[in-house]
């Protein structure tokens, strides 16, 4: 009886130790994923909200315009830091921290995958973009006639719970916390209408 009791205690100890160890391993893997990229560039515009003491960005983009809205331009040099509600992008030029709020259940991909979509280890060439695309990217806006690639660079990735695929002809963006904007594309993947 004592032997069985001892085996149960040892088994429980091993199970608990294994759980703790795997938790530590997954945390350090997460830290490793974030730490490997200390010299990144934004691969699209990041729309941010200045709350005074903090600057935040949101996975729904909140493209504005509204008070406190601004844009961190495509090809801005950033460093990555951890944050419990998503991640932090720190601008290398100003040392400003941008608290990037992220919800996996709405984007359908993990935070590391999302970071890989919005950043790159080298600057993005704008030579393949049309003049209209470049105007939209510079202004952080969508215009009729822009390509999907141009809209993506100007406004960011649309949240997947409203735009499940980039192949969709309708992309939904949030102008602010409550109002949305729909960008409509034709079969040639060119903007034909913007519904605000």
N, C-alpha and C. Protein backbone atom coordinates (compact mmCIF):
# COMPACT_ATOMS: atom_id res chain seq x y z
N UNK A 1 0.82 -1.19 0.00
CA UNK A 1 0.00 0.00 0.00
C UNK A 1 0.87 1.26 0.00
N UNK A 2 1.91 1.26 0.86
CA UNK A 2 2.82 2.40 0.90
C UNK A 2 3.53 2.58 -0.43
N UNK A 3 3.87 1.44 -1.07
CA UNK A 3 4.56 1.49 -2.35
C UNK A 3 3.67 2.14 -3.42
N UNK A 4 2.37 1.79 -3.45
CA UNK A 4 1.43 2.37 -4.43
C UNK A 4 1.28 3.87 -4.18
N UNK A 5 1.14 4.22 -2.90
CA UNK A 5 1.01 5.63 -2.54
C UNK A 5 2.25 6.41 -2.98
N UNK A 6 3.42 5.84 -2.76
CA UNK A 6 4.67 6.47 -3.15
C UNK A 6 4.75 6.64 -4.66
N UNK A 7 4.33 5.62 -5.42
CA UNK A 7 4.32 5.71 -6.88
C UNK A 7 3.38 6.80 -7.37
N UNK A 8 2.22 6.92 -6.73
CA UNK A 8 1.26 7.97 -7.10
C UNK A 8 1.87 9.35 -6.85
N UNK A 9 2.50 9.54 -5.71
CA UNK A 9 3.14 10.82 -5.36
C UNK A 9 4.23 11.16 -6.37
N UNK A 10 5.07 10.17 -6.70
CA UNK A 10 6.16 10.40 -7.66
C UNK A 10 5.58 10.75 -9.04
N UNK A 11 4.54 10.03 -9.46
CA UNK A 11 3.89 10.29 -10.75
C UNK A 11 3.34 11.71 -10.81
N UNK A 12 2.64 12.11 -9.75
CA UNK A 12 2.09 13.48 -9.70
C UNK A 12 3.20 14.52 -9.76
N UNK A 13 4.28 14.27 -9.05
CA UNK A 13 5.41 15.19 -9.06
C UNK A 13 5.98 15.33 -10.47
N UNK A 14 6.15 14.20 -11.15
CA UNK A 14 6.69 14.23 -12.52
C UNK A 14 5.75 14.95 -13.48
N UNK A 15 4.45 14.73 -13.33
CA UNK A 15 3.48 15.40 -14.20
C UNK A 15 3.53 16.91 -13.98
N UNK A 16 3.50 17.34 -12.72
CA UNK A 16 3.55 18.77 -12.40
C UNK A 16 4.85 19.39 -12.88
N UNK A 17 5.97 18.70 -12.68
CA UNK A 17 7.26 19.22 -13.14
C UNK A 17 7.29 19.35 -14.65
N UNK A 18 6.73 18.37 -15.34
CA UNK A 18 6.68 18.41 -16.80
C UNK A 18 5.86 19.57 -17.31
N UNK A 19 4.73 19.85 -16.65
CA UNK A 19 3.88 20.98 -17.05
C UNK A 19 4.61 22.30 -16.86
N UNK A 20 5.27 22.43 -15.71
CA UNK A 20 6.01 23.67 -15.44
C UNK A 20 7.13 23.84 -16.44
N UNK A 21 7.83 22.76 -16.73
CA UNK A 21 8.96 22.84 -17.67
C UNK A 21 8.48 23.23 -19.05
N UNK A 22 7.35 22.64 -19.51
CA UNK A 22 6.87 22.98 -20.84
C UNK A 22 6.39 24.41 -20.90
N UNK A 23 5.82 24.92 -19.80
CA UNK A 23 5.42 26.32 -19.75
C UNK A 23 6.60 27.25 -19.88
N UNK A 24 7.67 26.92 -19.19
CA UNK A 24 8.89 27.73 -19.27
C UNK A 24 9.46 27.66 -20.68
N UNK A 25 9.46 26.48 -21.25
CA UNK A 25 10.02 26.33 -22.61
C UNK A 25 9.23 27.16 -23.60
N UNK A 26 7.88 27.13 -23.53
CA UNK A 26 7.11 27.88 -24.50
C UNK A 26 7.30 29.38 -24.30
N UNK A 27 7.48 29.83 -23.05
CA UNK A 27 7.72 31.24 -22.81
C UNK A 27 9.06 31.66 -23.39
N UNK A 28 10.11 30.84 -23.17
CA UNK A 28 11.39 31.24 -23.71
C UNK A 28 11.42 31.16 -25.23
N UNK A 29 10.67 30.24 -25.82
CA UNK A 29 10.57 30.23 -27.29
C UNK A 29 9.91 31.50 -27.79
N UNK A 30 8.87 31.94 -27.07
CA UNK A 30 8.20 33.19 -27.43
C UNK A 30 9.17 34.36 -27.33
N UNK A 31 9.92 34.41 -26.24
CA UNK A 31 10.89 35.47 -26.07
C UNK A 31 11.96 35.40 -27.15
N UNK A 32 12.35 34.19 -27.50
CA UNK A 32 13.36 34.00 -28.54
C UNK A 32 12.84 34.54 -29.87
N UNK A 33 11.55 34.24 -30.20
CA UNK A 33 10.96 34.73 -31.44
C UNK A 33 10.98 36.25 -31.49
N UNK A 34 10.65 36.89 -30.35
CA UNK A 34 10.64 38.34 -30.32
C UNK A 34 12.05 38.92 -30.28
N UNK A 35 12.95 38.26 -29.59
CA UNK A 35 14.30 38.80 -29.41
C UNK A 35 15.14 38.71 -30.68
N UNK A 36 14.81 37.79 -31.59
CA UNK A 36 15.67 37.61 -32.76
C UNK A 36 15.64 38.80 -33.71
N UNK A 37 14.66 39.68 -33.54
CA UNK A 37 14.46 40.76 -34.50
C UNK A 37 14.65 42.12 -33.85
N UNK A 38 15.87 42.50 -33.64
CA UNK A 38 16.14 43.80 -33.03
C UNK A 38 16.35 44.90 -34.05
N UNK A 39 16.34 44.54 -35.33
CA UNK A 39 16.55 45.54 -36.37
C UNK A 39 15.57 45.26 -37.50
N UNK A 40 14.36 45.77 -37.36
CA UNK A 40 13.29 45.51 -38.32
C UNK A 40 12.82 46.81 -38.96
N UNK A 41 12.08 46.66 -40.06
CA UNK A 41 11.44 47.78 -40.74
C UNK A 41 9.96 47.47 -40.90
N UNK A 42 9.13 48.48 -40.73
CA UNK A 42 7.70 48.26 -40.97
C UNK A 42 7.50 48.00 -42.46
N UNK A 43 6.72 46.98 -42.80
CA UNK A 43 6.48 46.66 -44.21
C UNK A 43 5.16 47.23 -44.70
N UNK A 44 4.54 48.06 -43.88
CA UNK A 44 3.33 48.78 -44.23
C UNK A 44 3.18 49.94 -43.25
N UNK A 45 2.25 50.84 -43.53
CA UNK A 45 2.00 51.93 -42.58
C UNK A 45 1.36 51.36 -41.32
N UNK A 46 1.76 51.89 -40.17
CA UNK A 46 1.13 51.53 -38.90
C UNK A 46 0.34 52.76 -38.44
N UNK A 47 -0.97 52.61 -38.36
CA UNK A 47 -1.84 53.70 -37.89
C UNK A 47 -1.85 53.66 -36.36
N UNK A 48 -1.53 54.79 -35.75
CA UNK A 48 -1.40 54.83 -34.29
C UNK A 48 -2.31 55.90 -33.70
N UNK A 49 -2.54 55.74 -32.39
CA UNK A 49 -3.37 56.67 -31.63
C UNK A 49 -2.54 57.18 -30.47
N UNK A 50 -2.39 58.52 -30.40
CA UNK A 50 -1.63 59.12 -29.32
C UNK A 50 -2.58 59.46 -28.18
N UNK A 51 -2.41 58.75 -27.05
CA UNK A 51 -3.25 58.98 -25.88
C UNK A 51 -2.58 59.91 -24.87
N UNK A 52 -1.56 60.62 -25.28
CA UNK A 52 -0.84 61.50 -24.37
C UNK A 52 0.41 60.82 -23.86
N UNK A 53 0.28 59.99 -22.82
CA UNK A 53 1.43 59.29 -22.26
C UNK A 53 1.80 58.07 -23.08
N UNK A 54 0.83 57.47 -23.75
CA UNK A 54 1.08 56.24 -24.52
C UNK A 54 0.61 56.40 -25.96
N UNK A 55 1.33 55.71 -26.83
CA UNK A 55 0.93 55.62 -28.24
C UNK A 55 0.57 54.17 -28.50
N UNK A 56 -0.62 53.96 -29.05
CA UNK A 56 -1.08 52.58 -29.29
C UNK A 56 -1.44 52.37 -30.74
N UNK A 57 -1.32 51.11 -31.16
CA UNK A 57 -1.78 50.67 -32.47
C UNK A 57 -2.73 49.50 -32.21
N UNK A 58 -3.52 49.15 -33.20
CA UNK A 58 -4.57 48.15 -33.00
C UNK A 58 -4.63 47.23 -34.21
N UNK A 59 -4.91 45.96 -33.98
CA UNK A 59 -4.99 45.00 -35.08
C UNK A 59 -6.09 45.34 -36.08
N UNK A 60 -7.08 46.16 -35.70
CA UNK A 60 -8.11 46.59 -36.65
C UNK A 60 -7.68 47.84 -37.40
N UNK A 61 -6.51 48.35 -37.10
CA UNK A 61 -5.83 49.47 -37.76
C UNK A 61 -6.32 50.85 -37.36
N UNK A 62 -7.61 51.07 -37.15
CA UNK A 62 -8.14 52.39 -36.76
C UNK A 62 -7.49 53.50 -37.58
N UNK A 63 -7.89 53.53 -38.84
CA UNK A 63 -7.21 54.33 -39.85
C UNK A 63 -7.56 55.82 -39.84
N UNK A 64 -8.49 56.23 -38.99
CA UNK A 64 -8.80 57.65 -38.83
C UNK A 64 -9.59 58.24 -39.98
N UNK A 65 -9.65 59.55 -40.08
CA UNK A 65 -8.96 60.51 -39.22
C UNK A 65 -9.73 60.78 -37.93
N UNK A 66 -9.02 61.05 -36.86
CA UNK A 66 -9.60 61.48 -35.58
C UNK A 66 -8.47 62.09 -34.76
N UNK A 67 -8.84 62.77 -33.69
CA UNK A 67 -7.85 63.44 -32.85
C UNK A 67 -6.86 62.42 -32.27
N UNK A 68 -5.59 62.72 -32.42
CA UNK A 68 -4.55 61.83 -31.89
C UNK A 68 -4.07 60.78 -32.89
N UNK A 69 -4.72 60.69 -34.07
CA UNK A 69 -4.33 59.70 -35.08
C UNK A 69 -3.11 60.18 -35.85
N UNK A 70 -2.17 59.28 -36.09
CA UNK A 70 -1.04 59.56 -36.97
C UNK A 70 -0.55 58.25 -37.58
N UNK A 71 0.45 58.34 -38.41
CA UNK A 71 0.95 57.16 -39.12
C UNK A 71 2.45 57.00 -38.88
N UNK A 72 2.84 55.78 -38.56
CA UNK A 72 4.25 55.40 -38.57
C UNK A 72 4.48 54.86 -39.99
N UNK A 73 5.26 55.57 -40.79
CA UNK A 73 5.37 55.21 -42.21
C UNK A 73 6.03 53.86 -42.47
N UNK A 74 5.63 53.28 -43.57
CA UNK A 74 6.28 52.08 -44.10
C UNK A 74 7.78 52.33 -44.14
N UNK A 75 8.58 51.30 -43.87
CA UNK A 75 10.04 51.35 -43.84
C UNK A 75 10.62 52.10 -42.64
N UNK A 76 9.82 52.28 -41.58
CA UNK A 76 10.35 52.85 -40.34
C UNK A 76 11.13 51.77 -39.60
N UNK A 77 12.33 52.12 -39.16
CA UNK A 77 13.18 51.18 -38.42
C UNK A 77 12.63 51.02 -37.00
N UNK A 78 12.34 49.77 -36.61
CA UNK A 78 11.75 49.49 -35.30
C UNK A 78 12.46 48.33 -34.62
N UNK A 79 12.30 48.28 -33.30
CA UNK A 79 12.73 47.13 -32.50
C UNK A 79 11.48 46.55 -31.85
N UNK A 80 11.55 45.29 -31.51
CA UNK A 80 10.41 44.56 -30.98
C UNK A 80 10.60 44.27 -29.50
N UNK A 81 9.52 44.46 -28.73
CA UNK A 81 9.53 44.14 -27.30
C UNK A 81 8.25 43.40 -26.95
N UNK A 82 8.28 42.71 -25.83
CA UNK A 82 7.10 41.97 -25.39
C UNK A 82 6.13 42.88 -24.65
N UNK A 83 4.84 42.56 -24.78
CA UNK A 83 3.77 43.23 -24.04
C UNK A 83 2.63 42.25 -23.90
N UNK A 84 2.02 42.19 -22.73
CA UNK A 84 1.02 41.15 -22.44
C UNK A 84 -0.22 41.21 -23.34
N UNK A 85 -0.59 42.39 -23.84
CA UNK A 85 -1.77 42.52 -24.69
C UNK A 85 -1.45 42.47 -26.18
N UNK A 86 -0.23 42.14 -26.51
CA UNK A 86 0.19 42.07 -27.92
C UNK A 86 1.70 42.14 -28.00
N UNK A 87 2.23 43.28 -28.46
CA UNK A 87 3.67 43.49 -28.55
C UNK A 87 3.94 44.98 -28.64
N UNK A 88 5.20 45.35 -28.47
CA UNK A 88 5.60 46.75 -28.57
C UNK A 88 6.55 46.90 -29.75
N UNK A 89 6.30 47.91 -30.57
CA UNK A 89 7.25 48.32 -31.60
C UNK A 89 7.90 49.61 -31.09
N UNK A 90 9.20 49.59 -30.96
CA UNK A 90 9.90 50.81 -30.55
C UNK A 90 10.59 51.41 -31.76
N UNK A 91 10.25 52.66 -32.06
CA UNK A 91 10.92 53.34 -33.18
C UNK A 91 12.38 53.57 -32.82
N UNK A 92 13.27 53.22 -33.73
CA UNK A 92 14.70 53.39 -33.49
C UNK A 92 15.06 54.88 -33.52
N UNK A 93 14.41 55.66 -34.39
CA UNK A 93 14.75 57.08 -34.54
C UNK A 93 14.33 57.92 -33.33
N UNK A 94 13.15 57.67 -32.76
CA UNK A 94 12.64 58.52 -31.66
C UNK A 94 12.61 57.80 -30.31
N UNK A 95 12.86 56.49 -30.31
CA UNK A 95 12.75 55.64 -29.10
C UNK A 95 11.32 55.57 -28.56
N UNK A 96 10.36 56.01 -29.35
CA UNK A 96 8.95 55.97 -28.94
C UNK A 96 8.44 54.54 -28.95
N UNK A 97 7.79 54.13 -27.85
CA UNK A 97 7.15 52.81 -27.78
C UNK A 97 5.73 52.88 -28.33
N UNK A 98 5.42 51.96 -29.22
CA UNK A 98 4.06 51.84 -29.76
C UNK A 98 3.49 50.54 -29.23
N UNK A 99 2.49 50.64 -28.37
CA UNK A 99 1.86 49.47 -27.77
C UNK A 99 0.84 48.93 -28.76
N UNK A 100 1.14 47.78 -29.33
CA UNK A 100 0.33 47.21 -30.41
C UNK A 100 -0.62 46.16 -29.84
N UNK A 101 -1.91 46.54 -29.74
CA UNK A 101 -2.93 45.65 -29.19
C UNK A 101 -3.29 44.59 -30.23
N UNK A 102 -3.30 43.31 -29.81
CA UNK A 102 -3.51 42.22 -30.75
C UNK A 102 -4.40 41.14 -30.15
N UNK A 103 -5.38 40.66 -30.95
CA UNK A 103 -6.25 39.55 -30.54
C UNK A 103 -6.17 38.43 -31.57
N UNK A 104 -5.59 37.31 -31.16
CA UNK A 104 -5.41 36.18 -32.07
C UNK A 104 -6.75 35.65 -32.59
N UNK A 105 -7.78 35.62 -31.73
CA UNK A 105 -9.06 35.05 -32.16
C UNK A 105 -9.72 35.86 -33.28
N UNK A 106 -9.37 37.13 -33.41
CA UNK A 106 -9.93 37.93 -34.50
C UNK A 106 -9.07 37.90 -35.75
N UNK A 107 -7.77 37.70 -35.58
CA UNK A 107 -6.87 37.68 -36.73
C UNK A 107 -6.61 36.27 -37.25
N UNK A 108 -6.91 35.26 -36.44
CA UNK A 108 -6.79 33.84 -36.83
C UNK A 108 -5.35 33.37 -37.01
N UNK A 109 -4.39 34.19 -36.66
CA UNK A 109 -2.98 33.78 -36.70
C UNK A 109 -2.30 34.23 -35.42
N UNK A 110 -1.20 33.58 -35.07
CA UNK A 110 -0.47 33.93 -33.86
C UNK A 110 0.23 35.27 -33.99
N UNK A 111 0.63 35.81 -32.85
CA UNK A 111 1.24 37.13 -32.83
C UNK A 111 2.56 37.16 -33.61
N UNK A 112 3.36 36.09 -33.53
CA UNK A 112 4.63 36.05 -34.27
C UNK A 112 4.39 36.07 -35.77
N UNK A 113 3.38 35.32 -36.23
CA UNK A 113 3.04 35.33 -37.66
C UNK A 113 2.61 36.73 -38.10
N UNK A 114 1.82 37.38 -37.25
CA UNK A 114 1.36 38.73 -37.57
C UNK A 114 2.53 39.71 -37.64
N UNK A 115 3.44 39.61 -36.68
CA UNK A 115 4.62 40.47 -36.68
C UNK A 115 5.41 40.28 -37.97
N UNK A 116 5.52 39.04 -38.43
CA UNK A 116 6.24 38.76 -39.69
C UNK A 116 5.53 39.36 -40.90
N UNK A 117 4.20 39.59 -40.81
CA UNK A 117 3.47 40.22 -41.90
C UNK A 117 3.69 41.73 -41.94
N UNK A 118 3.83 42.34 -40.78
CA UNK A 118 3.88 43.81 -40.74
C UNK A 118 5.30 44.37 -40.63
N UNK A 119 6.29 43.47 -40.49
CA UNK A 119 7.68 43.92 -40.43
C UNK A 119 8.55 43.06 -41.36
N UNK A 120 9.72 43.58 -41.65
CA UNK A 120 10.68 42.87 -42.49
C UNK A 120 12.08 43.20 -42.00
N UNK A 121 13.05 42.35 -42.34
CA UNK A 121 14.43 42.65 -41.92
C UNK A 121 15.15 43.55 -42.92
N UNK A 122 14.44 44.00 -43.96
CA UNK A 122 15.01 44.98 -44.88
C UNK A 122 13.91 45.90 -45.39
N UNK A 123 14.30 47.05 -45.90
CA UNK A 123 13.32 48.02 -46.39
C UNK A 123 12.61 47.49 -47.64
N UNK A 124 11.36 47.87 -47.77
CA UNK A 124 10.55 47.49 -48.92
C UNK A 124 10.76 48.49 -50.05
N UNK A 125 11.03 48.01 -51.24
CA UNK A 125 11.16 48.89 -52.40
C UNK A 125 9.77 49.31 -52.86
N UNK A 126 9.62 50.59 -53.15
CA UNK A 126 8.34 51.11 -53.63
C UNK A 126 8.29 51.22 -55.15
N UNK A 127 9.31 50.75 -55.82
CA UNK A 127 9.41 50.92 -57.28
C UNK A 127 8.30 50.22 -58.05
N UNK A 128 7.75 49.14 -57.52
CA UNK A 128 6.70 48.41 -58.24
C UNK A 128 5.31 49.02 -58.04
N UNK A 129 5.19 49.99 -57.14
CA UNK A 129 3.89 50.62 -56.90
C UNK A 129 3.62 51.72 -57.92
N UNK A 130 2.35 51.88 -58.27
CA UNK A 130 1.95 52.95 -59.18
C UNK A 130 2.04 54.30 -58.47
N UNK A 131 1.93 55.37 -59.23
CA UNK A 131 1.95 56.73 -58.66
C UNK A 131 0.78 56.89 -57.68
N UNK A 132 -0.39 56.36 -58.03
CA UNK A 132 -1.57 56.45 -57.16
C UNK A 132 -1.37 55.63 -55.88
N UNK A 133 -0.78 54.43 -56.01
CA UNK A 133 -0.47 53.62 -54.82
C UNK A 133 0.47 54.39 -53.89
N UNK A 134 1.51 55.02 -54.46
CA UNK A 134 2.47 55.77 -53.65
C UNK A 134 1.79 56.94 -52.94
N UNK A 135 0.86 57.59 -53.62
CA UNK A 135 0.11 58.68 -52.99
C UNK A 135 -0.68 58.15 -51.80
N UNK A 136 -1.36 57.01 -51.98
CA UNK A 136 -2.13 56.41 -50.89
C UNK A 136 -1.25 56.00 -49.73
N UNK A 137 -0.09 55.43 -50.03
CA UNK A 137 0.85 55.02 -48.98
C UNK A 137 1.35 56.25 -48.22
N UNK A 138 1.74 57.29 -48.94
CA UNK A 138 2.24 58.51 -48.29
C UNK A 138 1.19 59.16 -47.40
N UNK A 139 -0.09 59.11 -47.83
CA UNK A 139 -1.17 59.75 -47.07
C UNK A 139 -1.87 58.80 -46.10
N UNK A 140 -1.56 57.51 -46.18
CA UNK A 140 -2.22 56.54 -45.31
C UNK A 140 -3.70 56.38 -45.64
N UNK A 141 -4.03 56.46 -46.93
CA UNK A 141 -5.43 56.40 -47.36
C UNK A 141 -5.59 55.46 -48.55
N UNK A 142 -6.85 55.03 -48.76
CA UNK A 142 -7.19 54.26 -49.96
C UNK A 142 -7.86 55.20 -50.95
N UNK A 143 -7.51 55.04 -52.22
CA UNK A 143 -8.13 55.83 -53.29
C UNK A 143 -8.63 54.88 -54.37
N UNK A 144 -9.70 55.29 -55.05
CA UNK A 144 -10.19 54.52 -56.19
C UNK A 144 -9.07 54.43 -57.22
N UNK A 145 -8.80 53.22 -57.72
CA UNK A 145 -7.74 52.99 -58.68
C UNK A 145 -6.49 52.36 -58.08
N UNK A 146 -6.40 52.35 -56.75
CA UNK A 146 -5.24 51.72 -56.10
C UNK A 146 -5.32 50.20 -56.24
N UNK A 147 -4.18 49.55 -56.14
CA UNK A 147 -4.13 48.09 -56.15
C UNK A 147 -4.31 47.55 -54.72
N UNK A 148 -4.57 46.25 -54.61
CA UNK A 148 -4.65 45.63 -53.28
C UNK A 148 -3.34 45.80 -52.52
N UNK A 149 -2.22 45.63 -53.22
CA UNK A 149 -0.91 45.78 -52.56
C UNK A 149 -0.73 47.20 -52.03
N UNK A 150 -1.20 48.17 -52.80
CA UNK A 150 -1.10 49.57 -52.37
C UNK A 150 -1.96 49.84 -51.14
N UNK A 151 -3.19 49.31 -51.14
CA UNK A 151 -4.09 49.50 -50.00
C UNK A 151 -3.51 48.82 -48.76
N UNK A 152 -2.97 47.64 -48.94
CA UNK A 152 -2.37 46.90 -47.83
C UNK A 152 -1.23 47.71 -47.21
N UNK A 153 -0.38 48.28 -48.05
CA UNK A 153 0.75 49.08 -47.55
C UNK A 153 0.27 50.38 -46.90
N UNK A 154 -0.81 50.95 -47.41
CA UNK A 154 -1.32 52.22 -46.88
C UNK A 154 -2.11 52.06 -45.59
N UNK A 155 -2.95 51.01 -45.52
CA UNK A 155 -3.88 50.86 -44.40
C UNK A 155 -3.56 49.71 -43.46
N UNK A 156 -2.75 48.76 -43.88
CA UNK A 156 -2.44 47.59 -43.06
C UNK A 156 -3.35 46.42 -43.39
N UNK A 157 -3.15 45.31 -42.68
CA UNK A 157 -3.94 44.10 -42.90
C UNK A 157 -5.33 44.27 -42.29
N UNK A 158 -6.37 44.00 -43.07
CA UNK A 158 -7.72 44.06 -42.48
C UNK A 158 -7.91 42.91 -41.48
N UNK A 159 -8.66 43.17 -40.41
CA UNK A 159 -8.90 42.14 -39.40
C UNK A 159 -9.67 40.98 -40.00
N UNK A 160 -9.18 39.75 -39.78
CA UNK A 160 -9.73 38.57 -40.46
C UNK A 160 -11.13 38.18 -40.01
N UNK A 161 -11.59 38.64 -38.85
CA UNK A 161 -12.95 38.27 -38.45
C UNK A 161 -13.98 39.00 -39.30
N UNK A 162 -13.58 40.07 -40.01
CA UNK A 162 -14.48 40.76 -40.94
C UNK A 162 -14.03 40.60 -42.40
N UNK A 163 -12.74 40.32 -42.59
CA UNK A 163 -12.19 40.09 -43.93
C UNK A 163 -11.38 38.80 -43.86
N UNK A 164 -12.05 37.65 -44.02
CA UNK A 164 -11.38 36.36 -43.82
C UNK A 164 -10.21 36.08 -44.76
N UNK A 165 -10.21 36.69 -45.94
CA UNK A 165 -9.15 36.42 -46.91
C UNK A 165 -8.83 37.69 -47.69
N UNK A 166 -7.56 37.85 -48.04
CA UNK A 166 -7.18 38.99 -48.88
C UNK A 166 -7.69 38.82 -50.31
N UNK A 167 -8.20 37.63 -50.64
CA UNK A 167 -8.80 37.39 -51.95
C UNK A 167 -10.21 37.97 -52.05
N UNK A 168 -10.80 38.33 -50.89
CA UNK A 168 -12.14 38.93 -50.88
C UNK A 168 -12.17 40.20 -51.72
N UNK A 169 -13.34 40.50 -52.28
CA UNK A 169 -13.51 41.74 -53.05
C UNK A 169 -13.87 42.91 -52.14
N UNK A 170 -14.14 42.64 -50.87
CA UNK A 170 -14.48 43.67 -49.90
C UNK A 170 -13.54 43.55 -48.70
N UNK A 171 -12.81 44.62 -48.39
CA UNK A 171 -11.97 44.64 -47.20
C UNK A 171 -12.57 45.64 -46.21
N UNK A 172 -12.74 45.21 -44.96
CA UNK A 172 -13.33 46.06 -43.93
C UNK A 172 -12.23 46.60 -43.03
N UNK A 173 -12.23 47.91 -42.85
CA UNK A 173 -11.30 48.59 -41.95
C UNK A 173 -12.10 49.40 -40.93
N UNK A 174 -11.51 49.62 -39.77
CA UNK A 174 -12.14 50.48 -38.77
C UNK A 174 -11.54 51.87 -38.90
N UNK A 175 -12.42 52.88 -39.00
CA UNK A 175 -11.95 54.27 -39.00
C UNK A 175 -11.60 54.70 -37.58
N UNK A 176 -12.38 54.20 -36.64
CA UNK A 176 -12.13 54.42 -35.21
C UNK A 176 -12.69 53.21 -34.48
N UNK A 177 -12.98 53.33 -33.20
CA UNK A 177 -13.46 52.18 -32.43
C UNK A 177 -14.83 51.70 -32.88
N UNK A 178 -15.63 52.57 -33.48
CA UNK A 178 -17.02 52.24 -33.80
C UNK A 178 -17.35 52.21 -35.29
N UNK A 179 -16.72 53.06 -36.09
CA UNK A 179 -17.09 53.19 -37.50
C UNK A 179 -16.17 52.40 -38.41
N UNK A 180 -16.76 51.74 -39.41
CA UNK A 180 -15.97 50.97 -40.36
C UNK A 180 -15.97 51.64 -41.74
N UNK A 181 -15.07 51.20 -42.56
CA UNK A 181 -14.97 51.63 -43.96
C UNK A 181 -14.76 50.37 -44.79
N UNK A 182 -15.43 50.29 -45.92
CA UNK A 182 -15.29 49.12 -46.79
C UNK A 182 -14.60 49.54 -48.09
N UNK A 183 -13.53 48.84 -48.42
CA UNK A 183 -12.82 49.07 -49.68
C UNK A 183 -13.24 47.94 -50.63
N UNK A 184 -13.81 48.32 -51.78
CA UNK A 184 -14.30 47.34 -52.76
C UNK A 184 -13.34 47.26 -53.94
N UNK A 185 -13.06 46.02 -54.36
CA UNK A 185 -12.13 45.78 -55.47
C UNK A 185 -12.86 45.13 -56.64
N UNK A 186 -12.35 45.34 -57.85
CA UNK A 186 -12.88 44.63 -59.01
C UNK A 186 -12.09 43.35 -59.23
N UNK A 187 -12.38 42.65 -60.31
CA UNK A 187 -11.71 41.37 -60.57
C UNK A 187 -10.23 41.53 -60.88
N UNK A 188 -9.81 42.74 -61.25
CA UNK A 188 -8.39 43.01 -61.50
C UNK A 188 -7.67 43.45 -60.22
N UNK A 189 -8.37 43.33 -59.07
CA UNK A 189 -7.82 43.69 -57.75
C UNK A 189 -7.45 45.18 -57.67
N UNK A 190 -8.32 46.00 -58.24
CA UNK A 190 -8.17 47.45 -58.19
C UNK A 190 -9.36 48.04 -57.45
N UNK A 191 -9.12 49.07 -56.65
CA UNK A 191 -10.21 49.69 -55.89
C UNK A 191 -11.21 50.34 -56.83
N UNK A 192 -12.50 49.95 -56.67
CA UNK A 192 -13.55 50.58 -57.49
C UNK A 192 -14.49 51.45 -56.64
N UNK A 193 -14.48 51.26 -55.32
CA UNK A 193 -15.37 52.05 -54.47
C UNK A 193 -14.88 51.98 -53.04
N UNK A 194 -15.13 53.05 -52.30
CA UNK A 194 -14.82 53.11 -50.88
C UNK A 194 -16.08 53.58 -50.18
N UNK A 195 -16.62 52.73 -49.31
CA UNK A 195 -17.88 53.04 -48.62
C UNK A 195 -17.55 53.40 -47.18
N UNK A 196 -17.84 54.67 -46.82
CA UNK A 196 -17.55 55.13 -45.46
C UNK A 196 -18.83 55.33 -44.68
